[in-house]
Amino acid sequence: MGQPDLFAKRTFAEETERLTGGAITWQDPPEIRLEKVQCDGLLLIHRPALLVELAAPWPEARGHEEVMVELKLAGDHVDRKAIELSTSSAGG
């Protein structure tokens, strides 16, 4: 895991509960086999009513018990440059 990705995950883990007044907490995803896709983390919704007054996107979590988080940062394998490289090299 790259440094920006690790920083983003730590920030969610450390700040989510404080920013939402305890309405949402971060949970690391369960370990799974390497052949499968794994999300970056889960936001667990504890008190959805507290989210109404918060700035977007927090109120969007009100109708859920948990929200899967996948962090995409500049330089990730799905950024524009990587997609352009993979499509141009796929043709031969």
PDB file of N, CA and C in Angstrom:
ATOM      1  N   MET A   1       0.850  -1.168   0.000  1.00  0.00           N
ATOM      2  CA  MET A   1       0.000   0.000   0.000  1.00  0.00           C
ATOM      3  C   MET A   1       0.897   1.233   0.000  1.00  0.00           C
ATOM      4  N   GLY A   2       0.585   2.185  -0.883  1.00  0.00           N
ATOM      5  CA  GLY A   2       1.371   3.401  -0.975  1.00  0.00           C
ATOM      6  C   GLY A   2       1.119   4.343   0.185  1.00  0.00           C
ATOM      7  N   GLN A   3       2.002   5.306   0.355  1.00  0.00           N
ATOM      8  CA  GLN A   3       1.881   6.257   1.460  1.00  0.00           C
ATOM      9  C   GLN A   3       0.593   7.097   1.403  1.00  0.00           C
ATOM     10  N   PRO A   4       0.188   7.652   0.240  1.00  0.00           N
ATOM     11  CA  PRO A   4      -1.061   8.420   0.221  1.00  0.00           C
ATOM     12  C   PRO A   4      -2.269   7.567   0.592  1.00  0.00           C
ATOM     13  N   ASP A   5      -2.290   6.322   0.141  1.00  0.00           N
ATOM     14  CA  ASP A   5      -3.391   5.420   0.451  1.00  0.00           C
ATOM     15  C   ASP A   5      -3.451   5.133   1.944  1.00  0.00           C
ATOM     16  N   LEU A   6      -2.305   4.867   2.543  1.00  0.00           N
ATOM     17  CA  LEU A   6      -2.222   4.619   3.981  1.00  0.00           C
ATOM     18  C   LEU A   6      -2.658   5.854   4.759  1.00  0.00           C
ATOM     19  N   PHE A   7      -2.233   7.030   4.328  1.00  0.00           N
ATOM     20  CA  PHE A   7      -2.630   8.283   4.985  1.00  0.00           C
ATOM     21  C   PHE A   7      -4.143   8.463   4.926  1.00  0.00           C
ATOM     22  N   ALA A   8      -4.748   8.205   3.762  1.00  0.00           N
ATOM     23  CA  ALA A   8      -6.199   8.364   3.613  1.00  0.00           C
ATOM     24  C   ALA A   8      -6.946   7.397   4.530  1.00  0.00           C
ATOM     25  N   LYS A   9      -6.518   6.155   4.596  1.00  0.00           N
ATOM     26  CA  LYS A   9      -7.176   5.178   5.467  1.00  0.00           C
ATOM     27  C   LYS A   9      -7.038   5.559   6.931  1.00  0.00           C
ATOM     28  N   ARG A  10      -5.847   5.996   7.333  1.00  0.00           N
ATOM     29  CA  ARG A  10      -5.644   6.419   8.725  1.00  0.00           C
ATOM     30  C   ARG A  10      -6.506   7.629   9.064  1.00  0.00           C
ATOM     31  N   THR A  11      -6.631   8.548   8.116  1.00  0.00           N
ATOM     32  CA  THR A  11      -7.452   9.737   8.345  1.00  0.00           C
ATOM     33  C   THR A  11      -8.908   9.347   8.572  1.00  0.00           C
ATOM     34  N   PHE A  12      -9.451   8.466   7.727  1.00  0.00           N
ATOM     35  CA  PHE A  12     -10.821   7.991   7.936  1.00  0.00           C
ATOM     36  C   PHE A  12     -10.939   7.298   9.293  1.00  0.00           C
ATOM     37  N   ALA A  13      -9.990   6.439   9.624  1.00  0.00           N
ATOM     38  CA  ALA A  13     -10.046   5.696  10.876  1.00  0.00           C
ATOM     39  C   ALA A  13     -10.007   6.625  12.092  1.00  0.00           C
ATOM     40  N   GLU A  14      -9.205   7.667  12.026  1.00  0.00           N
ATOM     41  CA  GLU A  14      -9.026   8.557  13.168  1.00  0.00           C
ATOM     42  C   GLU A  14     -10.069   9.665  13.262  1.00  0.00           C
ATOM     43  N   GLU A  15     -10.599  10.122  12.138  1.00  0.00           N
ATOM     44  CA  GLU A  15     -11.426  11.323  12.151  1.00  0.00           C
ATOM     45  C   GLU A  15     -12.929  11.100  11.955  1.00  0.00           C
ATOM     46  N   THR A  16     -13.347   9.966  11.395  1.00  0.00           N
ATOM     47  CA  THR A  16     -14.758   9.761  11.073  1.00  0.00           C
ATOM     48  C   THR A  16     -15.659   9.901  12.296  1.00  0.00           C
ATOM     49  N   GLU A  17     -15.318   9.223  13.380  1.00  0.00           N
ATOM     50  CA  GLU A  17     -16.162   9.270  14.571  1.00  0.00           C
ATOM     51  C   GLU A  17     -16.263  10.690  15.132  1.00  0.00           C
ATOM     52  N   ARG A  18     -15.137  11.398  15.166  1.00  0.00           N
ATOM     53  CA  ARG A  18     -15.144  12.771  15.690  1.00  0.00           C
ATOM     54  C   ARG A  18     -15.971  13.688  14.797  1.00  0.00           C
ATOM     55  N   LEU A  19     -15.772  13.592  13.487  1.00  0.00           N
ATOM     56  CA  LEU A  19     -16.474  14.479  12.556  1.00  0.00           C
ATOM     57  C   LEU A  19     -17.978  14.254  12.517  1.00  0.00           C
ATOM     58  N   THR A  20     -18.412  13.025  12.806  1.00  0.00           N
ATOM     59  CA  THR A  20     -19.844  12.715  12.762  1.00  0.00           C
ATOM     60  C   THR A  20     -20.475  12.679  14.146  1.00  0.00           C
ATOM     61  N   GLY A  21     -19.753  13.121  15.163  1.00  0.00           N
ATOM     62  CA  GLY A  21     -20.282  13.128  16.527  1.00  0.00           C
ATOM     63  C   GLY A  21     -20.610  11.739  17.041  1.00  0.00           C
ATOM     64  N   GLY A  22     -19.873  10.745  16.586  1.00  0.00           N
ATOM     65  CA  GLY A  22     -20.097   9.376  17.026  1.00  0.00           C
ATOM     66  C   GLY A  22     -21.154   8.631  16.234  1.00  0.00           C
ATOM     67  N   ALA A  23     -21.725   9.271  15.226  1.00  0.00           N
ATOM     68  CA  ALA A  23     -22.779   8.627  14.435  1.00  0.00           C
ATOM     69  C   ALA A  23     -22.219   7.555  13.512  1.00  0.00           C
ATOM     70  N   ILE A  24     -20.956   7.689  13.091  1.00  0.00           N
ATOM     71  CA  ILE A  24     -20.336   6.732  12.182  1.00  0.00           C
ATOM     72  C   ILE A  24     -18.932   6.430  12.693  1.00  0.00           C
ATOM     73  N   THR A  25     -18.536   5.172  12.597  1.00  0.00           N
ATOM     74  CA  THR A  25     -17.161   4.792  12.908  1.00  0.00           C
ATOM     75  C   THR A  25     -16.567   4.052  11.721  1.00  0.00           C
ATOM     76  N   TRP A  26     -15.257   4.025  11.653  1.00  0.00           N
ATOM     77  CA  TRP A  26     -14.508   3.319  10.598  1.00  0.00           C
ATOM     78  C   TRP A  26     -14.205   1.905  11.078  1.00  0.00           C
ATOM     79  N   GLN A  27     -14.262   0.961  10.160  1.00  0.00           N
ATOM     80  CA  GLN A  27     -13.839  -0.402  10.469  1.00  0.00           C
ATOM     81  C   GLN A  27     -12.973  -0.908   9.336  1.00  0.00           C
ATOM     82  N   ASP A  28     -11.815  -1.478   9.660  1.00  0.00           N
ATOM     83  CA  ASP A  28     -10.998  -2.095   8.632  1.00  0.00           C
ATOM     84  C   ASP A  28     -11.753  -3.286   8.075  1.00  0.00           C
ATOM     85  N   PRO A  29     -11.589  -3.562   6.789  1.00  0.00           N
ATOM     86  CA  PRO A  29     -12.313  -4.691   6.192  1.00  0.00           C
ATOM     87  C   PRO A  29     -11.745  -6.017   6.684  1.00  0.00           C
ATOM     88  N   PRO A  30     -12.552  -7.076   6.599  1.00  0.00           N
ATOM     89  CA  PRO A  30     -12.031  -8.387   6.990  1.00  0.00           C
ATOM     90  C   PRO A  30     -10.966  -8.856   6.009  1.00  0.00           C
ATOM     91  N   GLU A  31     -10.037  -9.650   6.487  1.00  0.00           N
ATOM     92  CA  GLU A  31      -9.009 -10.209   5.619  1.00  0.00           C
ATOM     93  C   GLU A  31      -9.645 -11.250   4.704  1.00  0.00           C
ATOM     94  N   ILE A  32      -9.278 -11.197   3.435  1.00  0.00           N
ATOM     95  CA  ILE A  32      -9.764 -12.188   2.491  1.00  0.00           C
ATOM     96  C   ILE A  32      -8.609 -12.665   1.630  1.00  0.00           C
ATOM     97  N   ARG A  33      -8.837 -13.731   0.885  1.00  0.00           N
ATOM     98  CA  ARG A  33      -7.777 -14.271   0.036  1.00  0.00           C
ATOM     99  C   ARG A  33      -7.325 -13.241  -0.982  1.00  0.00           C
ATOM    100  N   LEU A  34      -6.074 -13.313  -1.369  1.00  0.00           N
ATOM    101  CA  LEU A  34      -5.494 -12.326  -2.279  1.00  0.00           C
ATOM    102  C   LEU A  34      -6.100 -12.345  -3.673  1.00  0.00           C
ATOM    103  N   GLU A  35      -6.717 -13.447  -4.080  1.00  0.00           N
ATOM    104  CA  GLU A  35      -7.296 -13.499  -5.418  1.00  0.00           C
ATOM    105  C   GLU A  35      -8.570 -12.679  -5.529  1.00  0.00           C
ATOM    106  N   LYS A  36      -9.118 -12.268  -4.412  1.00  0.00           N
ATOM    107  CA  LYS A  36     -10.385 -11.542  -4.422  1.00  0.00           C
ATOM    108  C   LYS A  36     -10.150 -10.058  -4.188  1.00  0.00           C
ATOM    109  N   VAL A  37     -11.124  -9.275  -4.575  1.00  0.00           N
ATOM    110  CA  VAL A  37     -11.070  -7.826  -4.373  1.00  0.00           C
ATOM    111  C   VAL A  37     -11.465  -7.506  -2.938  1.00  0.00           C
ATOM    112  N   GLN A  38     -10.775  -6.550  -2.334  1.00  0.00           N
ATOM    113  CA  GLN A  38     -11.067  -6.143  -0.964  1.00  0.00           C
ATOM    114  C   GLN A  38     -11.218  -4.635  -0.918  1.00  0.00           C
ATOM    115  N   CYS A  39     -12.256  -4.161  -0.238  1.00  0.00           N
ATOM    116  CA  CYS A  39     -12.446  -2.717  -0.108  1.00  0.00           C
ATOM    117  C   CYS A  39     -11.424  -2.155   0.882  1.00  0.00           C
ATOM    118  N   ASP A  40     -11.342  -0.820   0.942  1.00  0.00           N
ATOM    119  CA  ASP A  40     -10.404  -0.173   1.856  1.00  0.00           C
ATOM    120  C   ASP A  40     -10.913  -0.122   3.284  1.00  0.00           C
ATOM    121  N   GLY A  41     -12.219  -0.109   3.469  1.00  0.00           N
ATOM    122  CA  GLY A  41     -12.776  -0.051   4.813  1.00  0.00           C
ATOM    123  C   GLY A  41     -14.280   0.047   4.794  1.00  0.00           C
ATOM    124  N   LEU A  42     -14.863   0.049   5.989  1.00  0.00           N
ATOM    125  CA  LEU A  42     -16.307   0.166   6.146  1.00  0.00           C
ATOM    126  C   LEU A  42     -16.608   1.307   7.101  1.00  0.00           C
ATOM    127  N   LEU A  43     -17.646   2.068   6.808  1.00  0.00           N
ATOM    128  CA  LEU A  43     -18.170   3.059   7.744  1.00  0.00           C
ATOM    129  C   LEU A  43     -19.402   2.432   8.376  1.00  0.00           C
ATOM    130  N   LEU A  44     -19.393   2.284   9.698  1.00  0.00           N
ATOM    131  CA  LEU A  44     -20.507   1.680  10.424  1.00  0.00           C
ATOM    132  C   LEU A  44     -21.401   2.786  10.964  1.00  0.00           C
ATOM    133  N   ILE A  45     -22.676   2.776  10.587  1.00  0.00           N
ATOM    134  CA  ILE A  45     -23.615   3.828  10.966  1.00  0.00           C
ATOM    135  C   ILE A  45     -24.263   3.456  12.297  1.00  0.00           C
ATOM    136  N   HIS A  46     -24.022   4.276  13.335  1.00  0.00           N
ATOM    137  CA  HIS A  46     -24.546   4.001  14.670  1.00  0.00           C
ATOM    138  C   HIS A  46     -25.744   4.877  15.008  1.00  0.00           C
ATOM    139  N   ARG A  47     -25.697   6.156  14.650  1.00  0.00           N
ATOM    140  CA  ARG A  47     -26.775   7.092  14.994  1.00  0.00           C
ATOM    141  C   ARG A  47     -27.096   7.958  13.775  1.00  0.00           C
ATOM    142  N   PRO A  48     -27.893   7.433  12.854  1.00  0.00           N
ATOM    143  CA  PRO A  48     -28.162   8.143  11.607  1.00  0.00           C
ATOM    144  C   PRO A  48     -28.818   9.509  11.794  1.00  0.00           C
ATOM    145  N   ALA A  49     -29.592   9.692  12.836  1.00  0.00           N
ATOM    146  CA  ALA A  49     -30.264  10.979  13.055  1.00  0.00           C
ATOM    147  C   ALA A  49     -29.267  12.120  13.234  1.00  0.00           C
ATOM    148  N   LEU A  50     -28.087  11.825  13.752  1.00  0.00           N
ATOM    149  CA  LEU A  50     -27.080  12.858  13.957  1.00  0.00           C
ATOM    150  C   LEU A  50     -26.467  13.352  12.656  1.00  0.00           C
ATOM    151  N   LEU A  51     -26.689  12.619  11.571  1.00  0.00           N
ATOM    152  CA  LEU A  51     -26.072  12.965  10.293  1.00  0.00           C
ATOM    153  C   LEU A  51     -26.837  14.032   9.518  1.00  0.00           C
ATOM    154  N   VAL A  52     -28.076  14.287   9.885  1.00  0.00           N
ATOM    155  CA  VAL A  52     -28.941  15.213   9.144  1.00  0.00           C
ATOM    156  C   VAL A  52     -28.316  16.591   8.988  1.00  0.00           C
ATOM    157  N   GLU A  53     -27.713  17.115  10.022  1.00  0.00           N
ATOM    158  CA  GLU A  53     -27.184  18.479  10.011  1.00  0.00           C
ATOM    159  C   GLU A  53     -25.750  18.587   9.487  1.00  0.00           C
ATOM    160  N   LEU A  54     -25.107  17.460   9.220  1.00  0.00           N
ATOM    161  CA  LEU A  54     -23.720  17.497   8.751  1.00  0.00           C
ATOM    162  C   LEU A  54     -23.642  17.831   7.267  1.00  0.00           C
ATOM    163  N   ALA A  55     -22.502  18.357   6.860  1.00  0.00           N
ATOM    164  CA  ALA A  55     -22.272  18.666   5.444  1.00  0.00           C
ATOM    165  C   ALA A  55     -22.171  17.370   4.636  1.00  0.00           C
ATOM    166  N   ALA A  56     -22.456  17.481   3.360  1.00  0.00           N
ATOM    167  CA  ALA A  56     -22.340  16.334   2.453  1.00  0.00           C
ATOM    168  C   ALA A  56     -20.906  15.825   2.482  1.00  0.00           C
ATOM    169  N   PRO A  57     -20.703  14.560   2.353  1.00  0.00           N
ATOM    170  CA  PRO A  57     -21.645  13.505   1.978  1.00  0.00           C
ATOM    171  C   PRO A  57     -22.228  12.732   3.148  1.00  0.00           C
ATOM    172  N   TRP A  58     -21.939  13.116   4.397  1.00  0.00           N
ATOM    173  CA  TRP A  58     -22.348  12.332   5.562  1.00  0.00           C
ATOM    174  C   TRP A  58     -23.839  12.014   5.620  1.00  0.00           C
ATOM    175  N   PRO A  59     -24.765  12.949   5.328  1.00  0.00           N
ATOM    176  CA  PRO A  59     -26.190  12.616   5.402  1.00  0.00           C
ATOM    177  C   PRO A  59     -26.616  11.478   4.470  1.00  0.00           C
ATOM    178  N   GLU A  60     -25.856  11.235   3.412  1.00  0.00           N
ATOM    179  CA  GLU A  60     -26.197  10.158   2.477  1.00  0.00           C
ATOM    180  C   GLU A  60     -26.131   8.779   3.140  1.00  0.00           C
ATOM    181  N   ALA A  61     -25.456   8.661   4.265  1.00  0.00           N
ATOM    182  CA  ALA A  61     -25.306   7.371   4.943  1.00  0.00           C
ATOM    183  C   ALA A  61     -26.494   7.024   5.833  1.00  0.00           C
ATOM    184  N   ARG A  62     -27.444   7.937   5.998  1.00  0.00           N
ATOM    185  CA  ARG A  62     -28.542   7.732   6.951  1.00  0.00           C
ATOM    186  C   ARG A  62     -29.363   6.469   6.712  1.00  0.00           C
ATOM    187  N   GLY A  63     -29.583   6.090   5.492  1.00  0.00           N
ATOM    188  CA  GLY A  63     -30.429   4.934   5.204  1.00  0.00           C
ATOM    189  C   GLY A  63     -29.707   3.603   5.215  1.00  0.00           C
ATOM    190  N   HIS A  64     -28.485   3.574   5.730  1.00  0.00           N
ATOM    191  CA  HIS A  64     -27.672   2.365   5.669  1.00  0.00           C
ATOM    192  C   HIS A  64     -27.125   1.992   7.044  1.00  0.00           C
ATOM    193  N   GLU A  65     -26.791   0.714   7.218  1.00  0.00           N
ATOM    194  CA  GLU A  65     -26.137   0.259   8.443  1.00  0.00           C
ATOM    195  C   GLU A  65     -24.620   0.349   8.302  1.00  0.00           C
ATOM    196  N   GLU A  66     -24.144   0.175   7.073  1.00  0.00           N
ATOM    197  CA  GLU A  66     -22.716   0.316   6.799  1.00  0.00           C
ATOM    198  C   GLU A  66     -22.539   0.775   5.361  1.00  0.00           C
ATOM    199  N   VAL A  67     -21.394   1.436   5.113  1.00  0.00           N
ATOM    200  CA  VAL A  67     -21.060   1.929   3.784  1.00  0.00           C
ATOM    201  C   VAL A  67     -19.646   1.457   3.463  1.00  0.00           C
ATOM    202  N   MET A  68     -19.503   0.776   2.334  1.00  0.00           N
ATOM    203  CA  MET A  68     -18.188   0.316   1.913  1.00  0.00           C
ATOM    204  C   MET A  68     -17.426   1.498   1.315  1.00  0.00           C
ATOM    205  N   VAL A  69     -16.144   1.623   1.660  1.00  0.00           N
ATOM    206  CA  VAL A  69     -15.324   2.720   1.176  1.00  0.00           C
ATOM    207  C   VAL A  69     -14.186   2.165   0.323  1.00  0.00           C
ATOM    208  N   GLU A  70     -14.034   2.734  -0.854  1.00  0.00           N
ATOM    209  CA  GLU A  70     -12.911   2.423  -1.732  1.00  0.00           C
ATOM    210  C   GLU A  70     -12.260   3.758  -2.062  1.00  0.00           C
ATOM    211  N   LEU A  71     -11.056   3.967  -1.587  1.00  0.00           N
ATOM    212  CA  LEU A  71     -10.351   5.231  -1.781  1.00  0.00           C
ATOM    213  C   LEU A  71      -9.594   5.197  -3.100  1.00  0.00           C
ATOM    214  N   LYS A  72      -9.800   6.192  -3.931  1.00  0.00           N
ATOM    215  CA  LYS A  72      -9.081   6.301  -5.196  1.00  0.00           C
ATOM    216  C   LYS A  72      -8.279   7.591  -5.160  1.00  0.00           C
ATOM    217  N   LEU A  73      -6.978   7.458  -5.250  1.00  0.00           N
ATOM    218  CA  LEU A  73      -6.077   8.593  -5.161  1.00  0.00           C
ATOM    219  C   LEU A  73      -5.320   8.757  -6.466  1.00  0.00           C
ATOM    220  N   ALA A  74      -4.837   9.940  -6.699  1.00  0.00           N
ATOM    221  CA  ALA A  74      -4.031  10.180  -7.895  1.00  0.00           C
ATOM    222  C   ALA A  74      -2.891   9.174  -7.938  1.00  0.00           C
ATOM    223  N   GLY A  75      -2.679   8.568  -9.085  1.00  0.00           N
ATOM    224  CA  GLY A  75      -1.621   7.591  -9.236  1.00  0.00           C
ATOM    225  C   GLY A  75      -2.064   6.163  -8.989  1.00  0.00           C
ATOM    226  N   ASP A  76      -3.313   5.967  -8.530  1.00  0.00           N
ATOM    227  CA  ASP A  76      -3.821   4.608  -8.378  1.00  0.00           C
ATOM    228  C   ASP A  76      -3.854   3.918  -9.728  1.00  0.00           C
ATOM    229  N   HIS A  77      -3.970   2.614  -9.708  1.00  0.00           N
ATOM    230  CA  HIS A  77      -3.966   1.831 -10.934  1.00  0.00           C
ATOM    231  C   HIS A  77      -5.165   2.097 -11.838  1.00  0.00           C
ATOM    232  N   VAL A  78      -6.160   2.851 -11.372  1.00  0.00           N
ATOM    233  CA  VAL A  78      -7.315   3.147 -12.221  1.00  0.00           C
ATOM    234  C   VAL A  78      -7.365   4.612 -12.662  1.00  0.00           C
ATOM    235  N   ASP A  79      -6.271   5.328 -12.474  1.00  0.00           N
ATOM    236  CA  ASP A  79      -6.283   6.714 -12.924  1.00  0.00           C
ATOM    237  C   ASP A  79      -6.221   6.773 -14.449  1.00  0.00           C
ATOM    238  N   ARG A  80      -6.460   7.943 -15.025  1.00  0.00           N
ATOM    239  CA  ARG A  80      -6.566   8.117 -16.471  1.00  0.00           C
ATOM    240  C   ARG A  80      -5.328   7.605 -17.218  1.00  0.00           C
ATOM    241  N   LYS A  81      -4.133   7.927 -16.727  1.00  0.00           N
ATOM    242  CA  LYS A  81      -2.911   7.518 -17.403  1.00  0.00           C
ATOM    243  C   LYS A  81      -2.805   5.994 -17.481  1.00  0.00           C
ATOM    244  N   ALA A  82      -3.125   5.306 -16.382  1.00  0.00           N
ATOM    245  CA  ALA A  82      -3.048   3.851 -16.381  1.00  0.00           C
ATOM    246  C   ALA A  82      -4.040   3.245 -17.357  1.00  0.00           C
ATOM    247  N   ILE A  83      -5.228   3.821 -17.419  1.00  0.00           N
ATOM    248  CA  ILE A  83      -6.249   3.326 -18.358  1.00  0.00           C
ATOM    249  C   ILE A  83      -5.782   3.537 -19.792  1.00  0.00           C
ATOM    250  N   GLU A  84      -5.221   4.698 -20.087  1.00  0.00           N
ATOM    251  CA  GLU A  84      -4.725   4.969 -21.434  1.00  0.00           C
ATOM    252  C   GLU A  84      -3.607   4.010 -21.800  1.00  0.00           C
ATOM    253  N   LEU A  85      -2.700   3.729 -20.855  1.00  0.00           N
ATOM    254  CA  LEU A  85      -1.614   2.799 -21.123  1.00  0.00           C
ATOM    255  C   LEU A  85      -2.127   1.400 -21.372  1.00  0.00           C
ATOM    256  N   SER A  86      -3.091   0.963 -20.574  1.00  0.00           N
ATOM    257  CA  SER A  86      -3.571  -0.404 -20.736  1.00  0.00           C
ATOM    258  C   SER A  86      -4.365  -0.576 -22.025  1.00  0.00           C
ATOM    259  N   THR A  87      -5.092   0.434 -22.463  1.00  0.00           N
ATOM    260  CA  THR A  87      -5.854   0.285 -23.692  1.00  0.00           C
ATOM    261  C   THR A  87      -4.946   0.383 -24.908  1.00  0.00           C
ATOM    262  N   SER A  88      -3.886   1.203 -24.839  1.00  0.00           N
ATOM    263  CA  SER A  88      -2.994   1.331 -25.991  1.00  0.00           C
ATOM    264  C   SER A  88      -2.099   0.096 -26.121  1.00  0.00           C
ATOM    265  N   SER A  89      -1.732  -0.519 -24.998  1.00  0.00           N
ATOM    266  CA  SER A  89      -0.876  -1.712 -25.075  1.00  0.00           C
ATOM    267  C   SER A  89      -1.685  -2.969 -25.356  1.00  0.00           C
ATOM    268  N   ALA A  90      -3.003  -2.910 -25.126  1.00  0.00           N
ATOM    269  CA  ALA A  90      -3.844  -4.090 -25.366  1.00  0.00           C
ATOM    270  C   ALA A  90      -3.961  -4.392 -26.854  1.00  0.00           C
ATOM    271  N   GLY A  91      -3.881  -3.348 -27.678  1.00  0.00           N
ATOM    272  CA  GLY A  91      -4.026  -3.536 -29.101  1.00  0.00           C
ATOM    273  C   GLY A  91      -2.778  -4.085 -29.760  1.00  0.00           C
ATOM    274  N   GLY A  92      -1.685  -4.118 -29.037  1.00  0.00           N
ATOM    275  CA  GLY A  92      -0.487  -4.719 -29.596  1.00  0.00           C
ATOM    276  C   GLY A  92       0.508  -3.725 -29.917  1.00  0.00           C
TER     277      GLY A  92
END
